[in-house]
Protein backbone atom coordinates (compact mmCIF):
# COMPACT_ATOMS: atom_id res chain seq x y z
CA UNK A 1 141.19 13.92 -10.88
CA UNK A 2 141.62 17.70 -11.07
CA UNK A 3 144.47 19.03 -13.15
CA UNK A 4 147.32 20.80 -11.37
CA UNK A 5 147.50 24.56 -11.94
CA UNK A 6 149.72 25.87 -14.73
CA UNK A 7 153.06 27.25 -13.42
CA UNK A 8 154.84 28.79 -16.45
CA UNK A 9 154.12 31.79 -18.70
CA UNK A 10 153.27 31.89 -22.41
CA UNK A 11 154.97 35.29 -22.80
CA UNK A 12 156.75 37.86 -20.61
CA UNK A 13 157.49 41.59 -20.69
CA UNK A 14 160.76 42.62 -22.39
CA UNK A 15 162.37 45.93 -21.43
CA UNK A 16 163.35 48.14 -24.40
CA UNK A 17 166.47 49.18 -22.44
CA UNK A 18 167.56 45.54 -22.10
CA UNK A 19 170.65 45.87 -24.33
CA UNK A 20 171.81 49.15 -22.70
CA UNK A 21 171.73 47.63 -19.21
CA UNK A 22 175.31 47.62 -17.84
CA UNK A 23 175.16 43.90 -17.01
CA UNK A 24 174.17 43.00 -20.59
CA UNK A 25 176.82 45.38 -21.94
CA UNK A 26 179.47 43.28 -20.17
CA UNK A 27 177.99 40.13 -21.76
CA UNK A 28 178.04 41.79 -25.19
CA UNK A 29 181.62 43.02 -24.70
CA UNK A 30 182.89 39.56 -23.81
CA UNK A 31 180.75 37.16 -25.85
CA UNK A 32 179.16 39.31 -28.56
CA UNK A 33 175.74 38.49 -30.03
CA UNK A 34 176.03 34.83 -28.97
CA UNK A 35 176.06 35.93 -25.31
CA UNK A 36 172.94 38.07 -25.87
CA UNK A 37 171.09 35.17 -27.56
CA UNK A 38 172.00 32.75 -24.75
CA UNK A 39 170.80 35.27 -22.11
CA UNK A 40 167.44 35.87 -23.84
CA UNK A 41 166.83 32.13 -24.43
CA UNK A 42 167.65 31.44 -20.77
CA UNK A 43 165.00 34.00 -19.74
CA UNK A 44 162.47 32.33 -22.07
CA UNK A 45 163.19 28.92 -20.57
CA UNK A 46 162.93 30.26 -16.99
CA UNK A 47 159.59 31.97 -17.61
CA UNK A 48 158.28 28.91 -19.47
CA UNK A 49 159.01 26.91 -16.32
CA UNK A 50 157.70 29.63 -13.96
CA UNK A 51 159.95 31.81 -11.85
CA UNK A 52 163.01 29.53 -11.64
CA UNK A 53 164.87 26.86 -13.60
CA UNK A 54 166.72 23.82 -12.27
CA UNK A 55 170.24 23.82 -13.76
CA UNK A 56 172.87 21.11 -14.02
CA UNK A 57 175.05 19.36 -16.60
CA UNK A 58 172.11 17.57 -18.26
CA UNK A 59 170.04 20.76 -18.51
CA UNK A 60 173.04 22.66 -19.93
CA UNK A 61 173.62 19.99 -22.61
CA UNK A 62 169.96 19.98 -23.73
CA UNK A 63 169.86 23.78 -23.68
CA UNK A 64 172.95 24.00 -25.94
CA UNK A 65 171.16 21.91 -28.58
CA UNK A 66 168.08 24.14 -28.46
CA UNK A 67 170.00 27.44 -28.80
CA UNK A 68 171.49 26.73 -32.22
CA UNK A 69 174.59 25.68 -34.10
CA UNK A 70 177.95 26.96 -32.89
CA UNK A 71 176.76 27.31 -29.28
CA UNK A 72 178.82 24.97 -27.09
CA UNK A 73 178.28 23.83 -23.52
CA UNK A 74 181.52 25.60 -22.53
CA UNK A 75 180.27 28.90 -23.99
CA UNK A 76 176.96 28.58 -22.12
CA UNK A 77 178.85 27.87 -18.87
CA UNK A 78 181.04 30.97 -19.42
CA UNK A 79 178.00 33.20 -20.10
CA UNK A 80 176.19 31.80 -17.04
CA UNK A 81 179.21 32.47 -14.81
CA UNK A 82 179.32 36.06 -16.07
CA UNK A 83 175.54 36.51 -15.44
CA UNK A 84 175.99 35.22 -11.87
CA UNK A 85 179.09 37.39 -11.34
CA UNK A 86 177.20 40.52 -12.49
CA UNK A 87 174.14 39.63 -10.29
CA UNK A 88 171.88 39.34 -13.35
CA UNK A 89 170.98 35.97 -11.78
CA UNK A 90 171.19 35.35 -8.01
CA UNK A 91 174.53 33.65 -7.14
CA UNK A 92 173.64 32.54 -3.58
CA UNK A 93 170.40 30.75 -4.56
CA UNK A 94 172.27 29.04 -7.45
CA UNK A 95 175.09 27.79 -5.23
CA UNK A 96 172.64 26.53 -2.59
CA UNK A 97 169.84 25.01 -4.70
CA UNK A 98 171.29 24.85 -8.28
CA UNK A 99 168.46 26.97 -9.74
CA UNK A 100 168.46 30.08 -11.93
CA UNK A 101 166.29 32.97 -10.71
CA UNK A 102 166.50 36.59 -9.54
CA UNK A 103 164.45 39.24 -7.74
CA UNK A 104 163.48 40.85 -11.04
CA UNK A 105 162.37 37.53 -12.58
CA UNK A 106 160.21 36.72 -9.54
CA UNK A 107 158.68 40.22 -9.50
CA UNK A 108 157.75 40.05 -13.21
CA UNK A 109 156.39 36.51 -12.77
CA UNK A 110 154.08 37.58 -9.92
CA UNK A 111 152.89 40.58 -11.96
CA UNK A 112 152.09 38.30 -14.91
CA UNK A 113 150.17 35.77 -12.77
CA UNK A 114 148.17 38.12 -10.53
CA UNK A 115 144.88 37.08 -12.21
CA UNK A 116 145.40 33.38 -11.56
CA UNK A 117 143.36 31.78 -8.82
CA UNK A 118 146.46 30.60 -6.96
CA UNK A 119 150.24 30.82 -7.43
CA UNK A 120 152.55 28.55 -5.41
CA UNK A 121 156.02 29.79 -4.44
CA UNK A 122 158.73 27.75 -2.68
CA UNK A 123 159.93 29.63 0.38
CA UNK A 124 163.49 28.32 -0.12
CA UNK A 125 163.61 29.97 -3.56
CA UNK A 126 161.82 33.23 -2.69
CA UNK A 127 164.04 36.35 -2.92
CA UNK A 128 161.25 38.92 -2.31
CA UNK A 129 160.06 39.73 1.20
CA UNK A 130 156.40 39.25 2.21
CA UNK A 131 155.66 42.98 1.94
CA UNK A 132 156.85 43.09 -1.68
CA UNK A 133 154.83 39.97 -2.50
CA UNK A 134 151.65 41.45 -0.99
CA UNK A 135 152.14 44.71 -2.88
CA UNK A 136 152.30 42.84 -6.19
CA UNK A 137 149.67 40.12 -5.80
CA UNK A 138 147.21 38.68 -3.25
CA UNK A 139 146.98 35.16 -4.74
CA UNK A 140 150.40 33.86 -3.69
CA UNK A 141 150.70 30.73 -1.59
CA UNK A 142 154.17 30.46 -0.01
CA UNK A 143 154.78 26.77 0.71
CA UNK A 144 158.04 26.19 2.60
CA UNK A 145 159.12 22.73 3.63
CA UNK A 146 159.99 23.65 7.22
CA UNK A 147 156.61 24.89 8.46
CA UNK A 148 154.00 23.21 10.61
CA UNK A 149 150.74 21.79 9.29
CA UNK A 150 149.20 25.29 9.13
CA UNK A 151 151.45 27.14 6.64
CA UNK A 152 151.50 30.90 6.14
CA UNK A 153 149.46 31.64 2.99
CA UNK A 154 148.41 34.82 1.25
CA UNK A 155 145.44 33.22 -0.61
CA UNK A 156 141.89 33.10 0.67
CA UNK A 157 141.44 29.68 2.18
CA UNK A 158 138.37 27.83 0.89
CA UNK A 159 136.03 26.58 3.60
CA UNK A 160 136.63 22.87 3.57
CA UNK A 161 135.39 20.32 6.04
CA UNK A 162 138.05 18.83 8.24
CA UNK A 163 139.01 15.36 6.99
CA UNK A 164 138.74 12.78 9.73
CA UNK A 165 141.17 9.88 10.06
CA UNK A 166 138.58 7.41 8.88
CA UNK A 167 138.08 9.34 5.63
CA UNK A 168 141.82 9.15 4.79
CA UNK A 169 143.91 11.67 2.89
CA UNK A 170 142.56 14.22 0.40
CA UNK A 171 144.53 13.54 -2.81
CA UNK A 172 143.17 16.55 -4.70
CA UNK A 173 146.33 18.35 -6.00
CA UNK A 174 144.68 21.70 -5.25
CA UNK A 175 144.11 20.94 -1.56
CA UNK A 176 146.47 22.60 0.88
CA UNK A 177 147.48 19.48 2.85
CA UNK A 178 148.29 17.64 -0.41
CA UNK A 179 150.54 20.50 -1.55
CA UNK A 180 152.62 20.48 1.64
CA UNK A 181 152.93 16.68 1.66
CA UNK A 182 153.83 16.80 -2.04
CA UNK A 183 156.61 19.36 -1.41
CA UNK A 184 158.02 17.24 1.44
CA UNK A 185 157.98 14.16 -0.81
CA UNK A 186 159.81 16.06 -3.58
CA UNK A 187 162.40 17.15 -1.00
CA UNK A 188 163.09 13.49 -0.05
CA UNK A 189 163.26 12.52 -3.75
CA UNK A 190 165.87 15.23 -4.45
CA UNK A 191 167.96 14.07 -1.49
CA UNK A 192 167.80 10.42 -2.66
CA UNK A 193 168.77 11.35 -6.22
CA UNK A 194 171.65 13.54 -5.02
CA UNK A 195 173.12 10.44 -3.32
CA UNK A 196 172.45 8.11 -6.28
CA UNK A 197 170.90 9.37 -9.55
CA UNK A 198 169.97 5.75 -10.45
CA UNK A 199 167.66 5.32 -7.46
CA UNK A 200 164.06 4.33 -8.31
CA UNK A 201 161.77 7.21 -7.39
CA UNK A 202 158.38 8.35 -8.74
CA UNK A 203 157.96 11.11 -11.29
CA UNK A 204 157.26 14.54 -9.79
CA UNK A 205 153.76 14.41 -11.23
CA UNK A 206 150.95 14.73 -8.64
CA UNK A 207 148.74 12.47 -10.81
CA UNK A 208 151.32 9.65 -10.91
CA UNK A 209 150.03 6.61 -8.96
CA UNK A 210 153.38 5.87 -7.28
CA UNK A 211 153.79 9.55 -6.38
CA UNK A 212 150.32 9.50 -4.76
CA UNK A 213 151.38 6.55 -2.57
CA UNK A 214 154.58 8.33 -1.49
CA UNK A 215 152.67 11.53 -0.72
CA UNK A 216 150.02 9.61 1.27
CA UNK A 217 152.70 7.92 3.43
CA UNK A 218 154.48 11.15 4.33
CA UNK A 219 151.12 12.79 5.09
CA UNK A 220 150.35 9.93 7.51
CA UNK A 221 153.74 10.50 9.14
CA UNK A 222 152.73 14.11 9.73
CA UNK A 223 149.12 13.43 10.76
CA UNK A 224 149.38 10.06 12.56
CA UNK A 225 153.06 9.36 13.24
CA UNK A 226 154.82 5.94 13.16
CA UNK A 227 153.19 2.85 11.65
CA UNK A 228 150.38 1.44 13.85
CA UNK A 229 149.67 4.66 15.77
CA UNK A 230 146.15 6.08 15.91
CA UNK A 231 145.37 9.73 15.26
CA UNK A 232 143.88 10.10 18.75
CA UNK A 233 147.34 9.39 20.25
CA UNK A 234 148.71 12.65 18.74
CA UNK A 235 152.14 11.26 17.81
CA UNK A 236 152.46 12.93 14.40
CA UNK A 237 155.65 14.73 13.35
CA UNK A 238 155.72 18.39 12.34
CA UNK A 239 157.05 19.24 8.87
CA UNK A 240 160.12 20.80 10.50
CA UNK A 241 160.89 17.55 12.35
CA UNK A 242 160.38 15.53 9.16
CA UNK A 243 162.77 17.81 7.24
CA UNK A 244 165.49 17.45 9.91
CA UNK A 245 165.15 13.63 9.95
CA UNK A 246 165.31 13.52 6.12
CA UNK A 247 168.47 15.66 6.14
CA UNK A 248 170.12 13.49 8.79
CA UNK A 249 169.29 10.07 7.30
CA UNK A 250 170.32 11.11 3.78
CA UNK A 251 173.69 12.34 5.10
CA UNK A 252 174.35 9.19 7.15
CA UNK A 253 176.41 6.57 5.26
CA UNK A 254 174.28 3.66 6.52
CA UNK A 255 170.75 5.07 6.45
CA UNK A 256 170.97 6.82 3.06
CA UNK A 257 171.27 3.32 1.51
CA UNK A 258 168.15 2.10 3.36
CA UNK A 259 165.69 5.03 3.43
CA UNK A 260 164.70 5.07 -0.25
CA UNK A 261 160.95 5.75 0.04
CA UNK A 262 158.47 7.57 2.27
CA UNK A 263 157.06 4.21 3.44
CA UNK A 264 160.50 3.12 4.70
CA UNK A 265 160.98 6.55 6.28
CA UNK A 266 157.74 6.15 8.25
CA UNK A 267 158.56 2.55 9.18
CA UNK A 268 161.99 3.46 10.64
CA UNK A 269 161.11 6.92 11.97
CA UNK A 270 161.55 6.03 15.69
CA UNK A 271 164.96 4.41 15.09
CA UNK A 272 166.08 7.36 12.97
CA UNK A 273 164.94 9.88 15.58
CA UNK A 274 166.84 8.08 18.36
CA UNK A 275 170.00 7.79 16.27
CA UNK A 276 169.81 11.44 15.28
CA UNK A 277 169.65 12.64 18.90
CA UNK A 278 173.17 11.39 19.57
CA UNK A 279 175.40 8.40 20.26
CA UNK A 280 174.47 5.93 23.04
CA UNK A 281 175.83 6.39 26.56
CA UNK A 282 178.50 3.70 26.05
CA UNK A 283 179.84 5.42 22.96
CA UNK A 284 179.87 8.77 24.76
CA UNK A 285 181.83 7.28 27.67
CA UNK A 286 184.30 5.68 25.25
CA UNK A 287 184.83 8.96 23.39
CA UNK A 288 185.32 10.82 26.70
CA UNK A 289 187.95 8.27 27.79
CA UNK A 290 189.88 8.67 24.54
CA UNK A 291 189.68 12.46 24.86
CA UNK A 292 191.09 12.35 28.42
CA UNK A 293 193.92 10.00 27.36
CA UNK A 294 194.97 12.37 24.56
CA UNK A 295 194.79 15.37 26.90
CA UNK A 296 196.97 13.65 29.52
CA UNK A 297 199.57 12.66 26.91
CA UNK A 298 199.74 16.23 25.58
CA UNK A 299 200.25 17.59 29.10
CA UNK A 300 203.03 15.02 29.74
CA UNK A 301 204.83 15.99 26.51
CA UNK A 302 204.54 19.70 27.33
CA UNK A 303 206.04 19.15 30.77
CA UNK A 304 208.92 17.15 29.27
CA UNK A 305 209.54 19.98 26.81
CA UNK A 306 209.71 22.51 29.65
CA UNK A 307 212.28 20.32 31.43
CA UNK A 308 214.48 19.97 28.33
CA UNK A 309 214.24 23.58 27.14
CA UNK A 310 217.08 24.80 29.36
CA UNK A 311 219.52 22.43 27.62
CA UNK A 312 219.24 24.11 24.18
CA UNK A 313 217.72 27.62 24.59
CA UNK A 314 220.93 29.58 25.03
CA UNK A 315 223.12 31.85 22.93
CA UNK A 316 225.17 29.87 20.41
CA UNK A 317 227.76 30.80 17.75
CA UNK A 318 226.97 29.97 14.11
CA UNK A 319 228.84 30.34 10.81
CA UNK A 320 227.44 31.68 7.51
CA UNK A 321 228.53 33.19 4.13
CA UNK A 322 227.66 36.78 3.18
CA UNK A 323 225.38 37.03 0.13
CA UNK A 324 227.15 40.19 -1.15
CA UNK A 325 230.89 39.88 -0.43
CA UNK A 326 230.93 36.05 -0.15
CA UNK A 327 233.02 36.18 3.06
CA UNK A 328 232.53 33.64 5.85
CA UNK A 329 231.54 35.21 9.20
CA UNK A 330 230.39 34.19 12.68
CA UNK A 331 227.34 35.43 14.61
CA UNK A 332 225.60 34.65 17.89
CA UNK A 333 221.87 33.87 18.18
CA UNK A 334 219.35 32.06 20.41
CA UNK A 335 217.44 29.32 18.51
CA UNK A 336 213.65 29.40 18.56
CA UNK A 337 213.38 25.62 19.02
CA UNK A 338 215.58 22.59 19.60
CA UNK A 339 215.81 21.89 15.84
CA UNK A 340 216.06 25.52 14.69
CA UNK A 341 219.27 26.84 13.09
CA UNK A 342 219.26 30.69 12.89
CA UNK A 343 220.28 32.21 9.53
CA UNK A 344 222.14 35.44 8.70
CA UNK A 345 222.81 36.46 5.08
CA UNK A 346 224.92 39.63 5.50
CA UNK A 347 228.15 40.19 7.40
CA UNK A 348 227.49 43.92 7.91
CA UNK A 349 224.85 46.63 7.63
CA UNK A 350 226.65 48.00 4.54
CA UNK A 351 226.26 44.66 2.70
CA UNK A 352 222.58 44.49 3.65
CA UNK A 353 222.00 48.06 2.38
CA UNK A 354 223.82 47.19 -0.88
CA UNK A 355 221.58 44.14 -1.35
CA UNK A 356 218.41 46.18 -0.78
CA UNK A 357 219.68 48.75 -3.28
CA UNK A 358 220.12 46.08 -5.97
CA UNK A 359 216.62 44.74 -5.37
CA UNK A 360 215.22 48.29 -5.59
CA UNK A 361 216.98 48.90 -8.91
CA UNK A 362 215.44 45.72 -10.32
CA UNK A 363 211.99 46.86 -9.22
CA UNK A 364 212.52 50.18 -11.03
CA UNK A 365 212.63 48.38 -14.41
CA UNK A 366 208.87 48.82 -14.83
CA UNK A 367 209.47 52.59 -15.27
CA UNK A 368 210.67 53.74 -18.73
CA UNK A 369 214.50 54.27 -18.58
CA UNK A 370 214.24 58.01 -19.28
CA UNK A 371 212.36 58.69 -16.04
CA UNK A 372 214.34 56.46 -13.64
CA UNK A 373 217.01 59.06 -12.85
CA UNK A 374 215.06 62.31 -13.34
CA UNK A 375 214.14 63.99 -10.03
CA UNK A 376 210.81 65.73 -9.53
CA UNK A 377 210.84 69.30 -8.11
CA UNK A 378 207.44 68.90 -6.40
CA UNK A 379 208.06 66.67 -3.35
CA UNK A 380 204.79 67.70 -1.65
CA UNK A 381 202.78 66.31 -4.60
CA UNK A 382 204.85 63.12 -4.53
CA UNK A 383 203.94 62.53 -0.87
CA UNK A 384 200.24 63.02 -1.67
CA UNK A 385 200.33 60.40 -4.44
CA UNK A 386 201.81 57.57 -2.33
CA UNK A 387 198.49 56.72 -0.65
CA UNK A 388 196.02 58.69 -2.79
CA UNK A 389 194.92 58.26 -6.43
CA UNK A 390 195.98 61.17 -8.68
CA UNK A 391 194.81 62.55 -12.03
CA UNK A 392 197.70 64.68 -13.37
CA UNK A 393 196.78 66.96 -16.27
CA UNK A 394 198.54 69.71 -18.20
CA UNK A 395 200.10 70.65 -21.52
CA UNK A 396 202.93 68.72 -23.16
CA UNK A 397 206.33 68.81 -21.41
CA UNK A 398 205.22 70.29 -18.04
CA UNK A 399 206.40 67.21 -16.05
CA UNK A 400 203.30 65.02 -15.69
CA UNK A 401 205.10 61.70 -16.34
CA UNK A 402 208.10 62.81 -14.23
CA UNK A 403 205.78 63.44 -11.27
CA UNK A 404 204.03 60.07 -11.67
CA UNK A 405 207.40 58.27 -12.03
CA UNK A 406 208.66 59.88 -8.80
CA UNK A 407 205.50 58.69 -6.96
CA UNK A 408 206.05 55.17 -8.33
CA UNK A 409 209.72 55.20 -7.20
CA UNK A 410 208.65 56.07 -3.65
CA UNK A 411 206.02 53.31 -3.64
CA UNK A 412 208.52 50.70 -4.88
CA UNK A 413 210.74 51.37 -1.85
CA UNK A 414 208.20 49.31 0.11
CA UNK A 415 208.93 45.71 -0.97
CA UNK A 416 205.40 44.66 0.00
CA UNK A 417 203.84 46.92 -2.67
CA UNK A 418 203.60 46.27 -6.43
CA UNK A 419 203.13 48.66 -9.37
CA UNK A 420 201.97 48.12 -12.97
CA UNK A 421 203.02 50.84 -15.48
CA UNK A 422 201.27 51.11 -18.87
CA UNK A 423 201.55 53.61 -21.68
CA UNK A 424 197.89 53.86 -22.64
CA UNK A 425 198.29 54.34 -26.43
CA UNK A 426 200.63 51.28 -26.55
CA UNK A 427 198.17 49.31 -24.40
CA UNK A 428 195.28 50.06 -26.79
CA UNK A 429 197.43 48.97 -29.76
CA UNK A 430 198.21 45.72 -27.92
CA UNK A 431 194.47 45.04 -27.44
CA UNK A 432 193.71 45.84 -31.08
CA UNK A 433 196.47 43.46 -32.18
CA UNK A 434 195.01 40.67 -30.02
CA UNK A 435 191.62 41.31 -31.59
CA UNK A 436 192.98 41.23 -35.17
CA UNK A 437 195.25 38.18 -34.94
CA UNK A 438 193.05 35.98 -32.75
CA UNK A 439 195.99 33.55 -32.35
CA UNK A 440 196.47 34.00 -28.61
CA UNK A 441 194.36 32.26 -25.98
CA UNK A 442 194.11 35.68 -24.27
CA UNK A 443 191.29 37.87 -25.59
CA UNK A 444 191.34 41.70 -25.48
CA UNK A 445 188.73 41.55 -22.72
CA UNK A 446 190.92 39.14 -20.68
CA UNK A 447 193.90 41.50 -20.96
CA UNK A 448 191.78 44.54 -19.99
CA UNK A 449 190.33 42.61 -17.05
CA UNK A 450 193.87 41.69 -15.90
CA UNK A 451 194.82 45.39 -15.84
CA UNK A 452 191.58 46.49 -14.15
CA UNK A 453 191.90 43.83 -11.41
CA UNK A 454 195.59 44.55 -10.60
CA UNK A 455 195.68 44.75 -6.80
CA UNK A 456 198.61 47.16 -6.48
CA UNK A 457 199.18 50.66 -7.91
CA UNK A 458 198.17 51.06 -11.57
CA UNK A 459 200.08 53.88 -13.34
CA UNK A 460 198.37 54.88 -16.63
CA UNK A 461 200.47 57.28 -18.73
CA UNK A 462 199.07 59.58 -21.45
CA UNK A 463 195.40 58.59 -21.47
CA UNK A 464 193.58 60.35 -24.32
CA UNK A 465 196.55 60.25 -26.73
CA UNK A 466 195.07 57.22 -28.48
CA UNK A 467 192.53 57.45 -31.33
CA UNK A 468 189.06 57.60 -29.77
CA UNK A 469 186.80 54.81 -31.06
CA UNK A 470 183.80 53.01 -29.48
CA UNK A 471 186.18 50.14 -28.63
CA UNK A 472 188.57 52.53 -26.83
CA UNK A 473 185.66 54.18 -24.98
CA UNK A 474 184.35 50.82 -23.79
CA UNK A 475 187.75 49.49 -22.61
CA UNK A 476 188.66 52.79 -20.89
CA UNK A 477 185.32 52.95 -19.09
CA UNK A 478 185.63 49.32 -17.97
CA UNK A 479 189.10 49.86 -16.42
CA UNK A 480 188.40 53.23 -14.76
CA UNK A 481 184.97 52.12 -13.47
CA UNK A 482 186.43 48.94 -11.93
CA UNK A 483 189.31 50.82 -10.24
CA UNK A 484 186.87 53.41 -8.84
CA UNK A 485 184.33 50.86 -7.56
CA UNK A 486 186.93 48.74 -5.76
CA UNK A 487 188.90 51.80 -4.52
CA UNK A 488 192.20 50.60 -6.04
CA UNK A 489 195.19 52.98 -6.03
CA UNK A 490 195.50 54.53 -9.50
CA UNK A 491 197.76 57.20 -11.03
CA UNK A 492 196.72 58.78 -14.37
CA UNK A 493 198.41 61.37 -16.61
CA UNK A 494 196.73 63.09 -19.56
CA UNK A 495 197.03 66.16 -21.79
CA UNK A 496 193.22 66.29 -21.55
CA UNK A 497 191.43 68.13 -18.76
CA UNK A 498 188.37 66.46 -17.22
CA UNK A 499 186.19 68.74 -19.37
CA UNK A 500 187.89 67.54 -22.59
CA UNK A 501 187.59 63.89 -21.47
CA UNK A 502 183.89 64.59 -20.85
CA UNK A 503 183.47 66.04 -24.36
CA UNK A 504 185.73 63.78 -26.45
CA UNK A 505 185.77 60.42 -24.67
CA UNK A 506 182.93 59.72 -22.18
CA UNK A 507 181.25 61.72 -19.39
CA UNK A 508 181.13 58.56 -17.24
CA UNK A 509 184.94 58.30 -17.36
CA UNK A 510 185.51 61.93 -16.34
CA UNK A 511 182.97 61.55 -13.51
CA UNK A 512 184.73 58.50 -12.06
CA UNK A 513 188.18 60.08 -12.38
CA UNK A 514 186.93 63.13 -10.48
CA UNK A 515 185.42 60.88 -7.80
CA UNK A 516 188.43 58.66 -7.08
CA UNK A 517 191.40 60.98 -7.80
CA UNK A 518 192.85 64.22 -6.54
CA UNK A 519 193.11 66.52 -9.57
CA UNK A 520 196.58 68.06 -10.11
CA UNK A 521 196.97 70.58 -12.93
CA UNK A 522 200.58 71.36 -13.93
CA UNK A 523 201.34 74.57 -15.82
CA UNK A 524 204.38 76.08 -17.50
CA UNK A 525 206.33 75.86 -20.73
CA UNK A 526 207.34 72.69 -22.56
CA UNK A 527 210.59 71.62 -20.85
CA UNK A 528 211.61 69.52 -23.83
CA UNK A 529 211.76 72.67 -26.04
CA UNK A 530 213.91 74.58 -23.48
CA UNK A 531 216.91 72.23 -23.78
């Protein structure tokens, strides 16, 4: 019997800019060299298999043993989640089919196999469109499960004689009808194993004798139809119909325990088709009767509620205790429902205003004490900063932090809004301390990610005052880039102008600050020296 075509690659192209790619930089920042090794070995395993790799708990365990000592399953899972999050691997195809692949992997695979006689691609896994596939290679055979007997194919079809029913089924693995029947059989096997991994199924080897029998049965279901039907009667099922029946029977609690082979599928195909089309007439009538009974009861209860509503929906006096002055007082209110008891917490508007003032003072504790009482003399700039990101620059003592604090105070008046205030030099020291001690479960990257993802207003004071190191550059770029990409409200003060940030820290940081913030330059003498 002819051997099946080789699917994987012996080697693949490796981009010299691989480690400077932004997605890999995130992996390096979070997991170090172990993350880079896991990523490269995953690529090797994918290309060895072809253009995708099935991935589950068993595959992850075996892969951890092959990577090397010190590489745990948990670490591999963390790296894989980061690769999916950064779109290095396609998240949607992984969640749907539990495979690892991407557009770039498929494109490089097709480039590497363009000299092969034929390359088979599963339509369900394909991320490239037909135009892109044709531009790369002309030898690709796209074999989806849900097509009819004549699938769309980009290869030149060999001139084969039509096989008559008396000649049987062509079991050559390279024949087109075998390939489609083989893919349909594999689809049923995956469904059976997803319901019970211990089920007895053939190996996914086209040369396996049991697999050949399964493939032959499902091909007869497509070509002939149910057991005992002749080909001349034209009662065969299309591949789309077969796929729908497989999906239905493997989701049904009764039939998934009985349809455990292609022979049983063909034997029960008529029963399955009838069951799939819907419940019998008696069951429909019974369900309709129950539905009408429930509807009538709901209407009766609603009518009774309308009759009774006049007995309780009226103004009533209630007693309560004031939260501020602790005095007992009476108030009138109309309840929303029969069981509702309206609540009032303040005996007067003055007590309510006093309560709101106390809450506001507690919210101001995020601002350094020095700036809580100082008033800013630039109210027009304060109004601009409430709903717009600002980059406030200028020399020492010109009022940059005072302006940002005044904007934060105005924002905190809205109880629905939240603010995080950080002194950037102190924040960098906190990250460095986490890195040195290593005692905390929180890593420096986790802490930086928490700040970058903060959904409210992020107030960063005195950026650029810290010692500039590659670590500081990387953390600063990560936070500013994330805030800019997700359009999160951000306030920044710095003694550095954008030009100095460009020269001394990173041009990418100054570019993103210019893009997301309104630039405010404050001038004047140092107010601290004028006291």
